[in-house]
Protein backbone atom coordinates (compact mmCIF):
# COMPACT_ATOMS: atom_id res chain seq x y z
CA MET A 1 -96.63 63.45 129.50
CA SER A 2 -98.77 62.24 126.60
CA ILE A 3 -102.42 63.21 126.36
CA ARG A 4 -104.71 61.26 128.68
CA VAL A 5 -108.47 61.86 128.76
CA ARG A 6 -111.27 60.04 130.51
CA PHE A 7 -114.98 59.40 130.19
CA ALA A 8 -116.39 59.18 133.72
CA PRO A 9 -120.13 58.41 133.68
CA SER A 10 -122.30 57.55 136.66
CA PRO A 11 -124.26 54.53 135.36
CA THR A 12 -127.59 55.07 137.07
CA GLY A 13 -129.92 54.30 134.16
CA HIS A 14 -130.14 54.71 130.42
CA VAL A 15 -127.18 56.39 128.71
CA HIS A 16 -128.16 59.87 127.46
CA ILE A 17 -126.81 60.99 124.09
CA GLY A 18 -125.29 64.02 125.84
CA ASN A 19 -123.06 61.70 127.83
CA ILE A 20 -122.23 59.67 124.75
CA ARG A 21 -121.23 62.83 122.89
CA VAL A 22 -118.82 63.61 125.75
CA ALA A 23 -117.33 60.14 125.32
CA ILE A 24 -117.02 60.62 121.56
CA PHE A 25 -115.26 63.98 121.89
CA ASN A 26 -112.84 62.52 124.43
CA TRP A 27 -112.19 59.51 122.20
CA LEU A 28 -111.63 61.63 119.09
CA PHE A 29 -109.30 64.01 120.93
CA ALA A 30 -107.26 61.10 122.30
CA ARG A 31 -107.01 59.43 118.90
CA HIS A 32 -106.11 62.70 117.14
CA GLU A 33 -103.37 63.42 119.68
CA ASN A 34 -102.11 59.80 119.81
CA GLY A 35 -103.06 59.79 123.48
CA ALA A 36 -105.04 57.49 125.75
CA PHE A 37 -108.81 57.29 126.20
CA LEU A 38 -109.75 56.02 129.66
CA LEU A 39 -113.04 54.84 131.10
CA ARG A 40 -113.88 55.47 134.75
CA ILE A 41 -117.18 54.16 136.03
CA GLU A 42 -118.28 56.38 138.91
CA ASP A 43 -120.38 53.77 140.67
CA THR A 44 -120.37 55.12 144.20
CA ASP A 45 -124.17 55.48 144.19
CA ARG A 46 -124.65 51.82 145.06
CA GLU A 47 -128.46 51.95 144.95
CA ARG A 48 -128.68 53.37 141.43
CA SER A 49 -125.42 52.12 139.89
CA THR A 50 -126.81 48.63 139.40
CA PRO A 51 -125.00 45.84 137.54
CA GLN A 52 -127.60 46.13 134.78
CA ALA A 53 -126.98 49.87 134.39
CA ILE A 54 -123.24 49.22 134.12
CA ARG A 55 -123.82 46.47 131.53
CA ASP A 56 -126.04 48.80 129.52
CA LEU A 57 -123.31 51.45 129.56
CA LEU A 58 -120.61 49.02 128.45
CA ASP A 59 -122.87 47.60 125.72
CA VAL A 60 -123.50 51.06 124.27
CA LEU A 61 -119.80 51.95 124.31
CA ASP A 62 -118.98 48.66 122.61
CA TRP A 63 -121.72 49.21 120.00
CA LEU A 64 -120.27 52.62 119.15
CA GLY A 65 -116.69 51.36 119.06
CA LEU A 66 -115.55 53.56 121.96
CA GLU A 67 -112.95 51.17 123.26
CA PRO A 68 -110.83 52.39 126.22
CA ASP A 69 -107.07 52.02 126.11
CA GLU A 70 -106.86 50.65 129.65
CA PRO A 71 -109.20 48.48 131.73
CA PRO A 72 -112.09 50.47 133.21
CA LEU A 73 -111.50 51.97 136.65
CA TYR A 74 -114.39 51.49 139.08
CA GLN A 75 -114.54 54.41 141.46
CA SER A 76 -115.98 52.32 144.26
CA ALA A 77 -112.69 50.40 144.38
CA ARG A 78 -110.87 53.58 145.40
CA ALA A 79 -112.99 54.47 148.44
CA ARG A 80 -110.03 54.02 150.77
CA ALA A 81 -107.84 56.38 148.72
CA HIS A 82 -110.60 59.00 148.85
CA ARG A 83 -110.84 58.77 152.64
CA GLU A 84 -107.06 58.99 152.97
CA ALA A 85 -107.06 62.18 150.90
CA ALA A 86 -109.71 63.64 153.17
CA GLU A 87 -107.64 62.75 156.23
CA ARG A 88 -104.61 64.53 154.74
CA LEU A 89 -106.70 67.63 154.20
CA LEU A 90 -107.86 67.46 157.81
CA ASP A 91 -104.34 66.93 159.13
CA GLU A 92 -103.06 69.91 157.16
CA GLY A 93 -105.86 72.21 158.33
CA LYS A 94 -107.36 72.39 154.82
CA ALA A 95 -110.60 70.76 155.88
CA TYR A 96 -112.70 70.53 159.01
CA ARG A 97 -115.46 68.45 160.48
CA SER A 98 -118.99 69.70 160.89
CA ALA A 99 -122.12 68.10 162.30
CA LYS A 100 -124.76 70.62 161.24
CA GLY A 101 -128.33 69.43 161.34
CA GLY A 102 -127.61 66.54 163.68
CA GLN A 103 -126.77 64.22 160.82
CA GLY A 104 -123.33 63.20 162.06
CA GLU A 105 -119.98 64.66 161.17
CA ALA A 106 -119.19 65.48 157.58
CA VAL A 107 -115.84 66.70 156.27
CA LEU A 108 -115.78 70.07 154.56
CA PHE A 109 -113.00 71.37 152.36
CA ARG A 110 -112.12 74.91 153.42
CA ILE A 111 -111.73 77.38 150.60
CA PRO A 112 -108.11 78.44 151.31
CA TRP A 113 -107.88 81.46 153.59
CA GLU A 114 -104.69 82.49 151.82
CA ILE A 115 -106.69 82.58 148.63
CA ALA A 116 -104.39 85.00 146.83
CA ALA A 117 -101.60 82.40 146.90
CA VAL A 118 -103.61 79.90 144.84
CA PRO A 119 -102.62 79.78 141.13
CA GLY A 120 -105.53 80.97 139.04
CA VAL A 121 -106.85 83.34 141.71
CA ARG A 122 -106.64 87.09 141.16
CA ARG A 123 -107.41 90.08 143.33
CA VAL A 124 -110.26 92.17 141.94
CA GLY A 125 -110.44 94.98 144.49
CA PRO A 126 -112.63 96.38 147.25
CA VAL A 127 -116.36 95.67 147.31
CA GLU A 128 -118.92 97.35 149.55
CA TRP A 129 -122.44 96.05 150.18
CA PRO A 130 -125.33 97.37 152.25
CA VAL A 131 -126.71 94.67 154.52
CA HIS A 132 -130.08 94.32 156.18
CA PRO A 133 -130.04 95.65 159.76
CA ASP A 134 -132.61 93.15 161.02
CA ARG A 135 -130.23 90.23 160.56
CA PRO A 136 -126.85 90.00 162.26
CA VAL A 137 -123.54 89.38 160.51
CA ASP A 138 -122.35 86.04 161.94
CA ILE A 139 -118.79 84.84 161.45
CA ASP A 140 -117.36 81.48 162.53
CA ALA A 141 -115.11 78.72 161.22
CA GLY A 142 -117.80 77.62 158.77
CA GLY A 143 -118.07 80.97 157.02
CA ILE A 144 -120.00 84.21 157.03
CA ARG A 145 -123.77 84.69 157.14
CA PHE A 146 -125.82 87.87 156.80
CA ALA A 147 -128.73 89.25 154.81
CA ARG A 148 -128.57 91.41 151.74
CA ILE A 149 -131.40 93.77 150.90
CA SER A 150 -133.95 92.97 148.17
CA LYS A 151 -135.44 95.62 145.88
CA LYS A 152 -138.44 95.68 148.18
CA GLY A 153 -136.27 96.15 151.23
CA LYS A 154 -136.66 92.59 152.48
CA PRO A 155 -133.79 90.57 153.97
CA VAL A 156 -132.21 88.04 151.58
CA PRO A 157 -130.13 85.43 153.45
CA PHE A 158 -126.58 85.07 152.17
CA ALA A 159 -123.68 82.83 153.18
CA GLY A 160 -120.13 82.51 151.95
CA CYS A 161 -116.75 81.07 152.81
CA LEU A 162 -114.34 83.00 154.99
CA ALA A 163 -111.78 83.26 152.18
CA GLY A 164 -114.24 85.14 150.01
CA PHE A 165 -114.28 88.02 152.49
CA ARG A 166 -110.64 88.86 153.04
CA ASP A 167 -110.13 92.20 154.77
CA LEU A 168 -113.80 92.15 155.83
CA GLU A 169 -114.98 95.15 157.80
CA VAL A 170 -118.47 95.34 159.30
CA PHE A 171 -119.99 98.76 159.96
CA ASP A 172 -123.13 99.56 161.89
CA SER A 173 -125.96 101.71 160.54
CA ALA A 174 -124.26 104.84 161.89
CA GLY A 175 -121.10 104.08 159.93
CA ALA A 176 -118.97 102.99 162.90
CA LEU A 177 -116.56 100.10 162.36
CA ARG A 178 -117.66 97.15 164.48
CA VAL A 179 -115.46 94.25 163.34
CA ARG A 180 -112.34 93.78 161.26
CA ILE A 181 -112.00 90.09 160.36
CA GLU A 182 -108.20 90.21 160.12
CA ASP A 183 -108.07 90.91 163.87
CA TRP A 184 -109.71 87.59 164.69
CA ALA A 185 -108.90 85.42 161.66
CA GLY A 186 -106.58 82.97 163.43
CA GLU A 187 -108.97 82.28 166.29
CA ILE A 188 -111.97 82.02 163.97
CA LEU A 189 -110.20 79.57 161.64
CA ASP A 190 -109.20 77.45 164.63
CA GLY A 191 -112.85 77.21 165.58
CA GLY A 192 -112.28 78.89 168.92
CA LYS A 193 -114.14 82.11 168.25
CA THR A 194 -117.39 83.28 166.73
CA VAL A 195 -118.31 86.87 165.99
CA SER A 196 -121.79 88.33 165.66
CA VAL A 197 -122.65 91.93 164.80
CA ASP A 198 -126.22 93.08 165.51
CA ARG A 199 -127.89 95.92 163.57
CA PRO A 200 -125.22 96.02 160.80
CA GLY A 201 -125.35 98.69 158.10
CA ARG A 202 -122.76 97.69 155.48
CA ILE A 203 -119.75 95.50 154.89
CA ARG A 204 -116.56 96.06 152.93
CA PHE A 205 -114.09 93.41 151.77
CA THR A 206 -111.51 92.58 149.11
CA ARG A 207 -112.88 90.48 146.30
CA HIS A 208 -110.87 87.69 144.70
CA GLU A 209 -111.83 85.56 141.71
CA VAL A 210 -110.84 81.97 140.99
CA GLY A 211 -110.50 81.27 137.30
CA PHE A 212 -109.16 78.98 134.63
CA HIS A 213 -108.73 79.01 130.87
CA ASP A 214 -111.29 76.79 129.21
CA LEU A 215 -110.23 75.32 125.87
CA VAL A 216 -113.74 75.90 124.52
CA LYS A 217 -115.12 78.87 126.43
CA GLY A 218 -111.94 80.85 127.01
CA ALA A 219 -111.21 82.67 130.28
CA LEU A 220 -113.73 81.90 133.04
CA ALA A 221 -113.82 83.26 136.57
CA LYS A 222 -116.02 83.21 139.65
CA PRO A 223 -115.96 85.50 142.72
CA VAL A 224 -114.74 83.61 145.76
CA ASP A 225 -117.31 85.43 147.88
CA SER A 226 -120.02 83.53 145.97
CA MET A 227 -118.60 80.19 147.10
CA ARG A 228 -119.03 78.19 150.27
CA ASP A 229 -116.86 75.56 151.89
CA LEU A 230 -117.42 72.25 150.20
CA VAL A 231 -118.58 68.94 151.68
CA VAL A 232 -116.08 66.31 150.50
CA VAL A 233 -117.02 63.41 152.80
CA ARG A 234 -120.59 62.72 153.90
CA SER A 235 -121.49 61.88 157.46
CA ASP A 236 -121.65 58.19 156.46
CA GLY A 237 -117.95 58.32 155.56
CA ALA A 238 -118.40 58.21 151.78
CA ALA A 239 -116.49 60.71 149.65
CA VAL A 240 -118.70 62.94 147.51
CA PHE A 241 -118.24 63.54 143.80
CA HIS A 242 -115.84 66.48 144.13
CA LEU A 243 -113.12 64.77 146.12
CA ALA A 244 -113.47 61.37 144.44
CA ASN A 245 -113.41 62.97 141.00
CA VAL A 246 -110.25 64.97 141.63
CA CYS A 247 -108.46 62.10 143.40
CA ASP A 248 -109.21 59.68 140.58
CA ASP A 249 -108.15 62.15 137.88
CA VAL A 250 -104.85 62.51 139.71
CA PHE A 251 -104.53 58.73 140.02
CA GLN A 252 -105.25 58.18 136.32
CA GLN A 253 -102.86 61.00 135.35
CA VAL A 254 -105.55 62.75 133.33
CA THR A 255 -104.14 65.68 131.36
CA HIS A 256 -107.37 67.04 129.80
CA ILE A 257 -110.90 66.94 131.17
CA ILE A 258 -113.51 67.23 128.43
CA ARG A 259 -117.02 67.27 129.85
CA GLY A 260 -120.37 69.05 129.66
CA ASP A 261 -120.63 72.70 130.57
CA ASP A 262 -122.96 71.82 133.44
CA HIS A 263 -119.69 71.06 135.26
CA VAL A 264 -118.21 74.57 134.95
CA GLU A 265 -119.32 75.46 138.47
CA ASN A 266 -117.66 72.31 139.79
CA THR A 267 -114.42 73.18 138.05
CA TYR A 268 -113.91 76.37 140.08
CA ARG A 269 -113.98 74.25 143.24
CA HIS A 270 -111.86 71.49 141.73
CA VAL A 271 -109.12 73.98 140.82
CA LEU A 272 -108.89 74.82 144.52
CA LEU A 273 -108.98 71.16 145.53
CA TYR A 274 -106.09 70.36 143.20
CA HIS A 275 -104.06 73.10 144.85
CA ALA A 276 -104.91 71.81 148.33
CA LEU A 277 -103.77 68.34 147.32
CA GLY A 278 -100.50 69.73 145.97
CA ARG A 279 -101.37 68.97 142.34
CA THR A 280 -101.61 71.00 139.15
CA PRO A 281 -105.08 70.99 137.58
CA PRO A 282 -105.44 69.46 134.12
CA ALA A 283 -106.62 71.43 131.11
CA TYR A 284 -110.39 71.81 130.91
CA ALA A 285 -112.78 71.91 127.97
CA HIS A 286 -116.50 72.26 128.66
CA LEU A 287 -118.85 71.24 125.86
CA PRO A 288 -122.08 73.08 125.05
CA MET A 289 -125.28 71.36 126.07
CA ILE A 290 -127.58 69.64 123.59
CA VAL A 291 -130.90 71.48 123.28
CA ASN A 292 -134.24 71.07 121.52
CA ALA A 293 -135.76 73.44 118.97
CA ALA A 294 -136.91 75.73 121.79
CA GLY A 295 -133.40 75.98 123.21
CA LYS A 296 -134.20 73.85 126.27
CA PRO A 297 -132.07 70.89 127.37
CA TYR A 298 -132.84 67.94 125.11
CA SER A 299 -134.66 65.18 126.98
CA LYS A 300 -136.84 62.13 126.49
CA ARG A 301 -139.84 64.45 126.15
CA ASP A 302 -138.38 65.71 122.87
CA GLY A 303 -137.91 62.25 121.33
CA ASP A 304 -135.29 59.55 121.53
CA ALA A 305 -132.68 60.74 124.04
CA TYR A 306 -130.88 57.56 125.03
CA ALA A 307 -128.23 55.89 122.93
CA GLY A 308 -129.99 52.55 123.35
CA ASP A 309 -133.15 54.01 121.77
CA PHE A 310 -131.31 54.70 118.53
CA ARG A 311 -129.72 51.26 118.50
CA ASP A 312 -133.10 49.59 119.06
CA LYS A 313 -134.67 51.58 116.23
CA GLY A 314 -132.11 50.38 113.71
CA PHE A 315 -129.71 53.30 113.51
CA LEU A 316 -126.21 52.40 112.42
CA PRO A 317 -123.60 52.91 115.15
CA HIS A 318 -121.34 54.98 112.92
CA ALA A 319 -124.24 57.17 111.78
CA LEU A 320 -125.00 58.09 115.41
CA PHE A 321 -121.26 58.46 116.11
CA ASN A 322 -120.89 60.70 113.04
CA TYR A 323 -123.92 62.83 113.92
CA LEU A 324 -122.98 63.35 117.58
CA SER A 325 -119.41 64.24 116.51
CA LEU A 326 -120.86 67.15 114.55
CA LEU A 327 -123.19 68.27 117.34
CA GLY A 328 -121.24 71.24 118.65
CA TRP A 329 -118.15 70.71 116.46
CA SER A 330 -117.46 70.96 112.75
CA PRO A 331 -114.46 70.29 110.51
CA GLY A 332 -114.87 73.78 109.05
CA ASP A 333 -115.35 72.67 105.45
CA GLY A 334 -119.04 71.75 105.38
CA ARG A 335 -118.56 67.98 105.47
CA GLU A 336 -121.26 65.96 107.19
CA ALA A 337 -120.87 62.28 106.29
CA MET A 338 -117.39 61.56 107.65
CA THR A 339 -115.66 58.27 108.29
CA ARG A 340 -114.15 57.58 111.67
CA GLU A 341 -110.69 58.12 110.22
CA GLU A 342 -111.71 61.49 108.78
CA LEU A 343 -113.19 62.55 112.11
CA ILE A 344 -110.01 61.59 113.96
CA SER A 345 -107.84 63.45 111.48
CA SER A 346 -109.93 66.63 111.59
CA PHE A 347 -110.90 66.82 115.26
CA SER A 348 -109.60 69.66 117.41
CA LEU A 349 -110.95 71.35 120.51
CA ASP A 350 -110.50 74.80 119.03
CA ARG A 351 -113.35 74.10 116.61
CA VAL A 352 -115.82 73.10 119.34
CA GLN A 353 -118.63 75.63 119.41
CA GLU A 354 -119.40 77.52 122.59
CA ALA A 355 -123.13 77.90 121.85
CA PRO A 356 -125.61 75.11 122.65
CA ALA A 357 -126.00 72.47 119.94
CA GLN A 358 -129.52 71.76 118.69
CA MET A 359 -130.56 68.15 118.25
CA ASP A 360 -132.15 67.61 114.82
CA PRO A 361 -133.71 64.12 114.54
CA VAL A 362 -134.50 64.62 110.84
CA LYS A 363 -130.88 65.44 110.05
CA LEU A 364 -129.76 62.37 111.98
CA LEU A 365 -132.23 60.19 110.09
CA ASN A 366 -131.02 61.52 106.75
CA LEU A 367 -127.40 60.98 107.74
CA ASN A 368 -128.25 57.42 108.74
CA GLY A 369 -129.78 56.96 105.30
CA ARG A 370 -126.56 58.12 103.65
CA TRP A 371 -124.56 55.57 105.61
CA MET A 372 -127.14 52.85 104.87
CA ALA A 373 -126.75 53.59 101.16
CA ALA A 374 -122.97 53.29 101.48
CA LEU A 375 -123.04 49.86 103.13
CA PRO A 376 -121.70 46.88 101.16
CA PHE A 377 -124.76 45.40 99.48
CA ASP A 378 -124.36 41.93 100.96
CA GLU A 379 -124.28 43.38 104.48
CA PHE A 380 -127.33 45.52 103.83
CA ARG A 381 -129.28 42.65 102.23
CA ASP A 382 -128.51 40.17 104.98
CA THR A 383 -129.41 42.58 107.77
CA ALA A 384 -132.56 43.67 105.94
CA ARG A 385 -133.55 40.02 105.58
CA ARG A 386 -133.33 39.53 109.34
CA TYR A 387 -135.64 42.50 109.87
CA ALA A 388 -137.98 41.22 107.15
CA ALA A 389 -138.29 37.91 108.97
CA GLU A 390 -140.08 39.81 111.76
CA CYS A 391 -142.68 41.22 109.34
CA PRO A 392 -146.01 39.43 108.65
CA TRP A 393 -145.04 38.83 105.01
CA GLY A 394 -141.38 38.03 105.59
CA THR A 395 -141.24 34.49 106.90
CA GLU A 396 -141.19 32.84 103.47
CA VAL A 397 -140.01 34.88 100.51
CA ASP A 398 -138.02 34.08 97.42
CA GLU A 399 -134.47 34.96 98.48
CA LYS A 400 -133.33 35.90 95.00
CA PHE A 401 -136.32 38.21 94.55
CA PHE A 402 -135.72 39.68 98.01
CA GLY A 403 -132.16 40.50 96.95
CA ARG A 404 -133.45 42.35 93.89
CA VAL A 405 -135.85 44.36 96.05
CA ALA A 406 -133.08 45.12 98.55
CA ARG A 407 -130.78 46.35 95.79
CA LEU A 408 -133.50 48.67 94.46
CA LEU A 409 -134.44 50.06 97.88
CA GLN A 410 -131.10 50.30 99.67
CA SER A 411 -130.63 53.94 98.72
CA ARG A 412 -134.20 54.70 99.83
CA THR A 413 -134.00 52.99 103.23
CA LYS A 414 -133.01 55.19 106.17
CA LEU A 415 -133.66 52.68 108.97
CA TYR A 416 -133.76 48.90 108.93
CA PRO A 417 -137.27 48.72 110.47
CA GLN A 418 -138.49 50.43 107.28
CA VAL A 419 -137.94 47.06 105.59
CA CYS A 420 -141.43 46.15 106.81
CA GLU A 421 -142.71 48.81 104.41
CA TRP A 422 -141.48 46.71 101.46
CA ASP A 423 -144.61 44.60 101.80
CA TYR A 424 -146.07 45.74 98.47
CA PHE A 425 -143.42 43.73 96.65
CA PHE A 426 -144.38 40.50 98.43
CA VAL A 427 -148.20 40.49 98.68
CA ASP A 428 -150.85 39.93 96.02
CA LEU A 429 -152.47 43.32 96.55
CA PRO A 430 -150.98 46.17 98.59
CA GLU A 431 -152.87 48.06 101.25
CA TYR A 432 -154.09 51.17 99.42
CA ASP A 433 -153.89 54.56 101.11
CA PRO A 434 -157.43 56.02 100.76
CA LYS A 435 -156.19 59.60 100.79
CA ALA A 436 -153.64 58.89 98.06
CA CYS A 437 -156.26 57.12 95.98
CA ARG A 438 -158.63 60.07 96.20
CA LYS A 439 -155.89 62.53 95.36
CA PHE A 440 -154.20 60.73 92.47
CA LEU A 441 -156.59 58.09 91.10
CA ALA A 442 -160.05 59.66 91.42
CA ARG A 443 -158.97 62.82 89.60
CA PRO A 444 -160.82 63.45 86.30
CA GLY A 445 -158.86 62.23 83.30
CA VAL A 446 -156.60 59.87 85.22
CA GLY A 447 -158.76 56.76 84.67
CA PRO A 448 -158.79 56.89 80.86
CA ALA A 449 -155.07 57.67 80.73
CA LEU A 450 -154.22 54.74 83.03
CA ARG A 451 -156.54 52.46 80.99
CA ARG A 452 -154.69 53.38 77.79
CA LEU A 453 -151.34 52.91 79.55
CA ALA A 454 -152.45 49.45 80.72
CA GLU A 455 -153.25 48.49 77.14
CA ARG A 456 -149.82 49.57 75.99
CA LEU A 457 -148.04 47.86 78.89
CA ALA A 458 -149.84 44.57 78.25
CA GLU A 459 -148.09 44.30 74.91
CA SER A 460 -144.68 45.65 75.99
CA SER A 461 -141.42 43.98 77.00
CA PHE A 462 -142.04 45.47 80.47
CA THR A 463 -138.56 46.77 81.03
CA ALA A 464 -137.97 50.01 82.92
CA GLU A 465 -136.99 51.73 79.70
CA ASP A 466 -140.11 50.46 77.88
CA ILE A 467 -142.36 51.47 80.78
CA GLU A 468 -140.93 54.98 80.79
CA ARG A 469 -141.39 55.34 77.04
CA LEU A 470 -144.99 54.16 77.14
CA ILE A 471 -145.85 56.52 79.98
CA HIS A 472 -144.50 59.44 77.95
CA GLU A 473 -146.51 58.35 74.90
CA THR A 474 -149.66 58.14 76.99
CA THR A 475 -149.22 61.56 78.61
CA ALA A 476 -148.62 63.07 75.16
CA GLU A 477 -151.77 61.41 73.77
CA PHE A 478 -153.92 62.71 76.61
CA GLU A 479 -152.14 66.09 76.70
CA ILE A 480 -151.05 65.50 80.30
CA PRO A 481 -147.83 67.31 81.41
CA ARG A 482 -144.86 64.97 81.36
CA GLY A 483 -144.38 63.22 84.70
CA LYS A 484 -147.94 63.81 85.91
CA LEU A 485 -148.97 60.20 85.33
CA ASN A 486 -146.10 58.77 87.38
CA GLN A 487 -147.70 59.30 90.77
CA PRO A 488 -151.11 57.83 89.82
CA LEU A 489 -149.27 54.80 88.44
CA ARG A 490 -147.25 54.48 91.65
CA VAL A 491 -150.40 54.56 93.79
CA ALA A 492 -152.09 52.02 91.52
CA LEU A 493 -149.17 49.61 91.72
CA THR A 494 -147.97 50.07 95.32
CA GLY A 495 -150.82 51.72 97.23
CA ARG A 496 -148.57 54.54 98.42
CA THR A 497 -146.99 57.77 97.25
CA VAL A 498 -143.29 57.23 97.98
CA GLY A 499 -140.74 54.66 96.93
CA ALA A 500 -137.98 53.98 94.46
CA GLY A 501 -138.23 55.02 90.80
CA ILE A 502 -141.61 53.98 89.46
CA TYR A 503 -140.18 52.54 86.21
CA GLU A 504 -137.80 50.25 88.12
CA THR A 505 -140.50 49.44 90.68
CA ALA A 506 -142.98 48.39 88.01
CA GLU A 507 -140.36 46.25 86.23
CA LEU A 508 -139.48 44.49 89.49
CA LEU A 509 -143.13 43.82 90.29
CA GLY A 510 -143.40 42.10 86.94
CA ARG A 511 -146.00 42.27 84.19
CA GLU A 512 -148.52 39.85 85.70
CA ARG A 513 -148.65 41.40 89.15
CA ALA A 514 -148.50 44.97 87.86
CA MET A 515 -151.32 44.44 85.37
CA ARG A 516 -153.49 42.79 88.02
CA ARG A 517 -153.02 45.77 90.32
CA LEU A 518 -153.68 48.26 87.55
CA GLU A 519 -156.99 46.55 86.73
CA TYR A 520 -157.92 46.51 90.41
CA ALA A 521 -157.12 50.23 90.88
CA LEU A 522 -159.01 51.18 87.73
CA ALA A 523 -162.08 49.33 88.92
CA GLU A 524 -161.99 50.47 92.55
CA PHE A 525 -160.62 54.01 92.59
CA CYS A 526 -160.66 55.66 89.14
CA THR A 527 -163.53 57.62 87.68
CA ALA A 528 -164.83 56.82 84.20
CA GLY A 529 -164.18 60.25 82.68
């Protein structure tokens, strides 16, 4: 069978970048392997999976170019198939009904009593635990309950599935054997018998582990005695995530499940569910979580965390796609700015990192800037013009002049909303940064040097080359280190400390506007000496 992967979000709100990264890794793996990328919308939470949330999800996937190879599967449409699977488990004695808490009957999947027969389960050996004598050991069809002993000697309640305690023996405080579970297993499993041992002293059982080979994390295993039987159908008749997820993966013939490592615990249970349903589990790959600088899960508190936030702030879809592709994976050769085709060609699960991946907003911004600089100029100019139209100065501008400004600033623009910062090219006088004026214009010696430069510029051809030459002549005359007059000139002409090359900026401003600003800055901000 060819490779088939799926992205299976629960659309209950904004789409987190962690979920989008899962979608990207699935999409890249499918494209690299010439397989199929499927979309399953797990919309069984009818209160939170609103039509708007689903539209938002589909819009983000479309924006990022994550097109599925088959029509989306809506999990809610398969409710009947989920219930039928639960009924088969009940009929085959692999599940049972329980009405604990008076909430109506739920269906629980029984961790298989013959646990050693399940592929992926191995026998570890005998385990012996002291148990607290003040709490009984209770055994019934729903599992085993007792109390372990804390470091302070207090009882710590514990419960587990029957299958986790094969060969269980319960001893009293004097060391006498009170119960051997194998003697009563059939009657207990049938629900016809319960066993309770008062004043226990210790228990002994054979430990088994359920495991699987993760394509990212390697061999993983979990003791069966740490597991409990699993609710698969709620008392209202709705299948829970575990059963619906496994049934739908079987239905969609999924061969590889690539998802976040917060699902590792679920996978141990799903391996057992696959066996109970007579199916072979797919291959699993669990991706490291995305964290902040402190190593905590990355959230809205740390900055933009939803894919829609980045779209609304003017990030390019491929820049976000490119960045998230490299968050927990690398091509191994140091490349960062990669086309979609390069990512597809290079992607492999064996290069996914096991350690958490740290979100770096500055790195993402810089990568976006690299892709902005690589855009065809006409596309950049036209999009920038639309953003400029939303700025106070941008409703009526000379289109030819705007194109010249856009060409100069394309390589300096990291986000389209930064177009509003181009105002100094389109207003009579820029808004001067007081701190920059104090630092660069009020400094002793700057005023006379700028005055002499203004005299030279007034008689020049005012090309970038001429402006550069005259600045060098002025710094030499005033014995100022080369380059040290550039920043004062920038502040005088633009009101700020950053921008494109000052020679090209001055030329684009033009002689008349530049000279007017120089005279204004000399009068308002420069000292006489």
